[in-house]
Amino acid sequence: MEAEAVIPPRSNRLGQHDYDHEKYRDRNLIERFFNGIKQFRRIATRYDKLDRNFMGFLTLVCAYVWLTHPG
């Protein structure tokens, strides 16, 4: 799988390059989602020893972020 940089150029740059606006919108949404998940210390530091406990809490956090954050 290849990664593609989807970052818009700065407005003061002399040589502007094209980028995909829709991919950038998706990238921004994903980054904000992960930022919302990392607000829960239990997820960020992985306190749970068992995978099922971690995945259960991760599912709960994802549902919380999905329901409470607009966008």
PDB file of N, CA and C in Angstrom:
ATOM      1  N   MET A   1       0.835  -1.171   0.000  1.00  0.00           N
ATOM      2  CA  MET A   1       0.000   0.000   0.000  1.00  0.00           C
ATOM      3  C   MET A   1       0.885   1.242   0.000  1.00  0.00           C
ATOM      4  N   GLU A   2       0.634   2.123  -0.910  1.00  0.00           N
ATOM      5  CA  GLU A   2       1.420   3.342  -1.000  1.00  0.00           C
ATOM      6  C   GLU A   2       0.705   4.485  -0.316  1.00  0.00           C
ATOM      7  N   ALA A   3       1.465   5.336   0.323  1.00  0.00           N
ATOM      8  CA  ALA A   3       0.910   6.522   0.984  1.00  0.00           C
ATOM      9  C   ALA A   3       1.071   7.725   0.068  1.00  0.00           C
ATOM     10  N   GLU A   4       0.091   8.592   0.127  1.00  0.00           N
ATOM     11  CA  GLU A   4       0.120   9.795  -0.698  1.00  0.00           C
ATOM     12  C   GLU A   4      -0.060  11.007   0.216  1.00  0.00           C
ATOM     13  N   ALA A   5       0.825  11.966   0.115  1.00  0.00           N
ATOM     14  CA  ALA A   5       0.704  13.186   0.913  1.00  0.00           C
ATOM     15  C   ALA A   5      -0.435  14.033   0.366  1.00  0.00           C
ATOM     16  N   VAL A   6      -1.353  14.382   1.246  1.00  0.00           N
ATOM     17  CA  VAL A   6      -2.511  15.177   0.838  1.00  0.00           C
ATOM     18  C   VAL A   6      -2.522  16.428   1.699  1.00  0.00           C
ATOM     19  N   ILE A   7      -1.525  17.252   1.522  1.00  0.00           N
ATOM     20  CA  ILE A   7      -1.374  18.463   2.315  1.00  0.00           C
ATOM     21  C   ILE A   7      -1.379  19.652   1.371  1.00  0.00           C
ATOM     22  N   PRO A   8      -2.241  20.633   1.626  1.00  0.00           N
ATOM     23  CA  PRO A   8      -2.265  21.801   0.742  1.00  0.00           C
ATOM     24  C   PRO A   8      -1.009  22.641   0.938  1.00  0.00           C
ATOM     25  N   PRO A   9      -0.556  23.301  -0.129  1.00  0.00           N
ATOM     26  CA  PRO A   9       0.621  24.164   0.020  1.00  0.00           C
ATOM     27  C   PRO A   9       0.259  25.445   0.771  1.00  0.00           C
ATOM     28  N   ARG A  10       1.246  26.057   1.368  1.00  0.00           N
ATOM     29  CA  ARG A  10       1.010  27.331   2.047  1.00  0.00           C
ATOM     30  C   ARG A  10       0.687  28.405   1.023  1.00  0.00           C
ATOM     31  N   SER A  11      -0.067  29.382   1.436  1.00  0.00           N
ATOM     32  CA  SER A  11      -0.515  30.408   0.499  1.00  0.00           C
ATOM     33  C   SER A  11       0.621  31.309   0.027  1.00  0.00           C
ATOM     34  N   ASN A  12       1.693  31.436   0.818  1.00  0.00           N
ATOM     35  CA  ASN A  12       2.801  32.321   0.434  1.00  0.00           C
ATOM     36  C   ASN A  12       3.883  31.606  -0.371  1.00  0.00           C
ATOM     37  N   ARG A  13       3.670  30.375  -0.722  1.00  0.00           N
ATOM     38  CA  ARG A  13       4.658  29.608  -1.480  1.00  0.00           C
ATOM     39  C   ARG A  13       4.652  30.043  -2.944  1.00  0.00           C
ATOM     40  N   LEU A  14       5.818  30.176  -3.527  1.00  0.00           N
ATOM     41  CA  LEU A  14       5.908  30.627  -4.911  1.00  0.00           C
ATOM     42  C   LEU A  14       5.421  29.566  -5.888  1.00  0.00           C
ATOM     43  N   GLY A  15       5.836  28.335  -5.687  1.00  0.00           N
ATOM     44  CA  GLY A  15       5.424  27.257  -6.583  1.00  0.00           C
ATOM     45  C   GLY A  15       4.276  26.462  -5.974  1.00  0.00           C
ATOM     46  N   GLN A  16       3.059  26.803  -6.326  1.00  0.00           N
ATOM     47  CA  GLN A  16       1.895  26.093  -5.796  1.00  0.00           C
ATOM     48  C   GLN A  16       1.732  24.747  -6.507  1.00  0.00           C
ATOM     49  N   HIS A  17       1.341  23.735  -5.769  1.00  0.00           N
ATOM     50  CA  HIS A  17       1.083  22.429  -6.374  1.00  0.00           C
ATOM     51  C   HIS A  17      -0.363  22.034  -6.097  1.00  0.00           C
ATOM     52  N   ASP A  18      -0.872  21.163  -6.932  1.00  0.00           N
ATOM     53  CA  ASP A  18      -2.254  20.721  -6.784  1.00  0.00           C
ATOM     54  C   ASP A  18      -2.352  19.633  -5.721  1.00  0.00           C
ATOM     55  N   TYR A  19      -3.525  19.565  -5.107  1.00  0.00           N
ATOM     56  CA  TYR A  19      -3.816  18.494  -4.162  1.00  0.00           C
ATOM     57  C   TYR A  19      -5.297  18.187  -4.254  1.00  0.00           C
ATOM     58  N   ASP A  20      -5.674  17.015  -3.819  1.00  0.00           N
ATOM     59  CA  ASP A  20      -7.059  16.568  -3.901  1.00  0.00           C
ATOM     60  C   ASP A  20      -7.830  17.092  -2.688  1.00  0.00           C
ATOM     61  N   HIS A  21      -8.787  17.970  -2.920  1.00  0.00           N
ATOM     62  CA  HIS A  21      -9.540  18.593  -1.828  1.00  0.00           C
ATOM     63  C   HIS A  21     -10.377  17.571  -1.064  1.00  0.00           C
ATOM     64  N   GLU A  22     -10.962  16.607  -1.766  1.00  0.00           N
ATOM     65  CA  GLU A  22     -11.798  15.614  -1.096  1.00  0.00           C
ATOM     66  C   GLU A  22     -10.974  14.679  -0.216  1.00  0.00           C
ATOM     67  N   LYS A  23      -9.803  14.289  -0.687  1.00  0.00           N
ATOM     68  CA  LYS A  23      -8.931  13.454   0.141  1.00  0.00           C
ATOM     69  C   LYS A  23      -8.446  14.223   1.363  1.00  0.00           C
ATOM     70  N   TYR A  24      -8.183  15.512   1.182  1.00  0.00           N
ATOM     71  CA  TYR A  24      -7.745  16.326   2.317  1.00  0.00           C
ATOM     72  C   TYR A  24      -8.861  16.444   3.348  1.00  0.00           C
ATOM     73  N   ARG A  25     -10.091  16.575   2.907  1.00  0.00           N
ATOM     74  CA  ARG A  25     -11.231  16.650   3.824  1.00  0.00           C
ATOM     75  C   ARG A  25     -11.346  15.352   4.612  1.00  0.00           C
ATOM     76  N   ASP A  26     -11.185  14.213   3.946  1.00  0.00           N
ATOM     77  CA  ASP A  26     -11.235  12.921   4.635  1.00  0.00           C
ATOM     78  C   ASP A  26     -10.081  12.777   5.617  1.00  0.00           C
ATOM     79  N   ARG A  27      -8.911  13.224   5.225  1.00  0.00           N
ATOM     80  CA  ARG A  27      -7.728  13.151   6.091  1.00  0.00           C
ATOM     81  C   ARG A  27      -7.947  13.979   7.350  1.00  0.00           C
ATOM     82  N   ASN A  28      -8.509  15.159   7.191  1.00  0.00           N
ATOM     83  CA  ASN A  28      -8.767  16.028   8.328  1.00  0.00           C
ATOM     84  C   ASN A  28      -9.777  15.394   9.271  1.00  0.00           C
ATOM     85  N   LEU A  29     -10.812  14.783   8.740  1.00  0.00           N
ATOM     86  CA  LEU A  29     -11.824  14.125   9.552  1.00  0.00           C
ATOM     87  C   LEU A  29     -11.220  12.981  10.365  1.00  0.00           C
ATOM     88  N   ILE A  30     -10.374  12.196   9.732  1.00  0.00           N
ATOM     89  CA  ILE A  30      -9.736  11.067  10.415  1.00  0.00           C
ATOM     90  C   ILE A  30      -8.793  11.555  11.511  1.00  0.00           C
ATOM     91  N   GLU A  31      -8.017  12.596  11.234  1.00  0.00           N
ATOM     92  CA  GLU A  31      -7.109  13.129  12.248  1.00  0.00           C
ATOM     93  C   GLU A  31      -7.871  13.683  13.447  1.00  0.00           C
ATOM     94  N   ARG A  32      -8.989  14.355  13.203  1.00  0.00           N
ATOM     95  CA  ARG A  32      -9.784  14.876  14.317  1.00  0.00           C
ATOM     96  C   ARG A  32     -10.405  13.744  15.117  1.00  0.00           C
ATOM     97  N   PHE A  33     -10.789  12.651  14.445  1.00  0.00           N
ATOM     98  CA  PHE A  33     -11.352  11.504  15.140  1.00  0.00           C
ATOM     99  C   PHE A  33     -10.314  10.871  16.080  1.00  0.00           C
ATOM    100  N   PHE A  34      -9.114  10.654  15.574  1.00  0.00           N
ATOM    101  CA  PHE A  34      -8.071  10.077  16.422  1.00  0.00           C
ATOM    102  C   PHE A  34      -7.692  11.013  17.560  1.00  0.00           C
ATOM    103  N   ASN A  35      -7.723  12.309  17.320  1.00  0.00           N
ATOM    104  CA  ASN A  35      -7.456  13.266  18.386  1.00  0.00           C
ATOM    105  C   ASN A  35      -8.530  13.157  19.469  1.00  0.00           C
ATOM    106  N   GLY A  36      -9.778  12.964  19.065  1.00  0.00           N
ATOM    107  CA  GLY A  36     -10.850  12.795  20.041  1.00  0.00           C
ATOM    108  C   GLY A  36     -10.686  11.530  20.859  1.00  0.00           C
ATOM    109  N   ILE A  37     -10.237  10.462  20.224  1.00  0.00           N
ATOM    110  CA  ILE A  37     -10.023   9.200  20.943  1.00  0.00           C
ATOM    111  C   ILE A  37      -8.877   9.341  21.950  1.00  0.00           C
ATOM    112  N   LYS A  38      -7.831  10.056  21.577  1.00  0.00           N
ATOM    113  CA  LYS A  38      -6.665  10.177  22.453  1.00  0.00           C
ATOM    114  C   LYS A  38      -6.928  11.020  23.691  1.00  0.00           C
ATOM    115  N   GLN A  39      -8.086  11.667  23.759  1.00  0.00           N
ATOM    116  CA  GLN A  39      -8.436  12.414  24.963  1.00  0.00           C
ATOM    117  C   GLN A  39      -8.699  11.472  26.134  1.00  0.00           C
ATOM    118  N   PHE A  40      -8.951  10.207  25.839  1.00  0.00           N
ATOM    119  CA  PHE A  40      -9.170   9.215  26.877  1.00  0.00           C
ATOM    120  C   PHE A  40      -7.830   8.543  27.194  1.00  0.00           C
ATOM    121  N   ARG A  41      -7.319   8.805  28.363  1.00  0.00           N
ATOM    122  CA  ARG A  41      -5.994   8.329  28.743  1.00  0.00           C
ATOM    123  C   ARG A  41      -5.899   6.802  28.691  1.00  0.00           C
ATOM    124  N   ARG A  42      -6.982   6.151  29.009  1.00  0.00           N
ATOM    125  CA  ARG A  42      -6.977   4.683  29.010  1.00  0.00           C
ATOM    126  C   ARG A  42      -6.696   4.129  27.616  1.00  0.00           C
ATOM    127  N   ILE A  43      -7.160   4.818  26.578  1.00  0.00           N
ATOM    128  CA  ILE A  43      -6.900   4.393  25.201  1.00  0.00           C
ATOM    129  C   ILE A  43      -5.480   4.764  24.790  1.00  0.00           C
ATOM    130  N   ALA A  44      -5.065   5.993  25.109  1.00  0.00           N
ATOM    131  CA  ALA A  44      -3.763   6.486  24.656  1.00  0.00           C
ATOM    132  C   ALA A  44      -2.609   5.694  25.264  1.00  0.00           C
ATOM    133  N   THR A  45      -2.756   5.271  26.513  1.00  0.00           N
ATOM    134  CA  THR A  45      -1.642   4.573  27.175  1.00  0.00           C
ATOM    135  C   THR A  45      -1.829   3.061  27.219  1.00  0.00           C
ATOM    136  N   ARG A  46      -2.992   2.586  26.784  1.00  0.00           N
ATOM    137  CA  ARG A  46      -3.292   1.145  26.731  1.00  0.00           C
ATOM    138  C   ARG A  46      -3.089   0.478  28.087  1.00  0.00           C
ATOM    139  N   TYR A  47      -3.912   0.874  29.050  1.00  0.00           N
ATOM    140  CA  TYR A  47      -3.847   0.294  30.394  1.00  0.00           C
ATOM    141  C   TYR A  47      -4.315  -1.153  30.436  1.00  0.00           C
ATOM    142  N   ASP A  48      -5.254  -1.511  29.575  1.00  0.00           N
ATOM    143  CA  ASP A  48      -5.834  -2.860  29.612  1.00  0.00           C
ATOM    144  C   ASP A  48      -4.817  -3.904  29.172  1.00  0.00           C
ATOM    145  N   LYS A  49      -4.791  -5.007  29.885  1.00  0.00           N
ATOM    146  CA  LYS A  49      -3.875  -6.082  29.528  1.00  0.00           C
ATOM    147  C   LYS A  49      -4.452  -7.008  28.472  1.00  0.00           C
ATOM    148  N   LEU A  50      -5.755  -7.216  28.511  1.00  0.00           N
ATOM    149  CA  LEU A  50      -6.391  -8.128  27.568  1.00  0.00           C
ATOM    150  C   LEU A  50      -6.905  -7.371  26.349  1.00  0.00           C
ATOM    151  N   ASP A  51      -6.734  -7.981  25.182  1.00  0.00           N
ATOM    152  CA  ASP A  51      -7.184  -7.356  23.943  1.00  0.00           C
ATOM    153  C   ASP A  51      -8.689  -7.113  23.941  1.00  0.00           C
ATOM    154  N   ARG A  52      -9.457  -8.051  24.468  1.00  0.00           N
ATOM    155  CA  ARG A  52     -10.910  -7.894  24.449  1.00  0.00           C
ATOM    156  C   ARG A  52     -11.355  -6.716  25.307  1.00  0.00           C
ATOM    157  N   ASN A  53     -10.687  -6.479  26.431  1.00  0.00           N
ATOM    158  CA  ASN A  53     -11.035  -5.324  27.260  1.00  0.00           C
ATOM    159  C   ASN A  53     -10.680  -4.018  26.551  1.00  0.00           C
ATOM    160  N   PHE A  54      -9.521  -3.988  25.918  1.00  0.00           N
ATOM    161  CA  PHE A  54      -9.108  -2.789  25.185  1.00  0.00           C
ATOM    162  C   PHE A  54     -10.059  -2.499  24.034  1.00  0.00           C
ATOM    163  N   MET A  55     -10.405  -3.533  23.262  1.00  0.00           N
ATOM    164  CA  MET A  55     -11.304  -3.347  22.126  1.00  0.00           C
ATOM    165  C   MET A  55     -12.713  -2.963  22.588  1.00  0.00           C
ATOM    166  N   GLY A  56     -13.141  -3.478  23.709  1.00  0.00           N
ATOM    167  CA  GLY A  56     -14.448  -3.106  24.242  1.00  0.00           C
ATOM    168  C   GLY A  56     -14.500  -1.631  24.613  1.00  0.00           C
ATOM    169  N   PHE A  57     -13.471  -1.166  25.311  1.00  0.00           N
ATOM    170  CA  PHE A  57     -13.443   0.247  25.687  1.00  0.00           C
ATOM    171  C   PHE A  57     -13.231   1.121  24.464  1.00  0.00           C
ATOM    172  N   LEU A  58     -12.430   0.682  23.510  1.00  0.00           N
ATOM    173  CA  LEU A  58     -12.224   1.437  22.281  1.00  0.00           C
ATOM    174  C   LEU A  58     -13.540   1.584  21.516  1.00  0.00           C
ATOM    175  N   THR A  59     -14.334   0.529  21.468  1.00  0.00           N
ATOM    176  CA  THR A  59     -15.641   0.598  20.817  1.00  0.00           C
ATOM    177  C   THR A  59     -16.545   1.592  21.526  1.00  0.00           C
ATOM    178  N   LEU A  60     -16.520   1.575  22.844  1.00  0.00           N
ATOM    179  CA  LEU A  60     -17.317   2.516  23.622  1.00  0.00           C
ATOM    180  C   LEU A  60     -16.884   3.958  23.369  1.00  0.00           C
ATOM    181  N   VAL A  61     -15.586   4.200  23.342  1.00  0.00           N
ATOM    182  CA  VAL A  61     -15.062   5.542  23.092  1.00  0.00           C
ATOM    183  C   VAL A  61     -15.405   6.003  21.678  1.00  0.00           C
ATOM    184  N   CYS A  62     -15.284   5.115  20.710  1.00  0.00           N
ATOM    185  CA  CYS A  62     -15.624   5.479  19.327  1.00  0.00           C
ATOM    186  C   CYS A  62     -17.089   5.870  19.209  1.00  0.00           C
ATOM    187  N   ALA A  63     -17.965   5.131  19.875  1.00  0.00           N
ATOM    188  CA  ALA A  63     -19.388   5.475  19.851  1.00  0.00           C
ATOM    189  C   ALA A  63     -19.621   6.826  20.512  1.00  0.00           C
ATOM    190  N   TYR A  64     -18.934   7.076  21.620  1.00  0.00           N
ATOM    191  CA  TYR A  64     -19.068   8.362  22.310  1.00  0.00           C
ATOM    192  C   TYR A  64     -18.605   9.521  21.424  1.00  0.00           C
ATOM    193  N   VAL A  65     -17.442   9.368  20.798  1.00  0.00           N
ATOM    194  CA  VAL A  65     -16.909  10.426  19.932  1.00  0.00           C
ATOM    195  C   VAL A  65     -17.844  10.645  18.745  1.00  0.00           C
ATOM    196  N   TRP A  66     -18.350   9.570  18.176  1.00  0.00           N
ATOM    197  CA  TRP A  66     -19.241   9.665  17.012  1.00  0.00           C
ATOM    198  C   TRP A  66     -20.538  10.394  17.361  1.00  0.00           C
ATOM    199  N   LEU A  67     -21.072  10.125  18.564  1.00  0.00           N
ATOM    200  CA  LEU A  67     -22.342  10.729  18.956  1.00  0.00           C
ATOM    201  C   LEU A  67     -22.217  12.160  19.454  1.00  0.00           C
ATOM    202  N   THR A  68     -21.091  12.516  20.036  1.00  0.00           N
ATOM    203  CA  THR A  68     -20.976  13.833  20.670  1.00  0.00           C
ATOM    204  C   THR A  68     -20.276  14.888  19.843  1.00  0.00           C
ATOM    205  N   HIS A  69     -19.485  14.501  18.869  1.00  0.00           N
ATOM    206  CA  HIS A  69     -18.730  15.489  18.089  1.00  0.00           C
ATOM    207  C   HIS A  69     -19.408  15.733  16.747  1.00  0.00           C
ATOM    208  N   PRO A  70     -19.654  16.987  16.429  1.00  0.00           N
ATOM    209  CA  PRO A  70     -20.264  17.294  15.136  1.00  0.00           C
ATOM    210  C   PRO A  70     -19.267  17.112  14.003  1.00  0.00           C
ATOM    211  N   GLY A  71     -19.783  16.909  12.842  1.00  0.00           N
ATOM    212  CA  GLY A  71     -18.899  16.845  11.693  1.00  0.00           C
ATOM    213  C   GLY A  71     -18.902  15.538  11.085  1.00  0.00           C
TER     214      GLY A  71
END
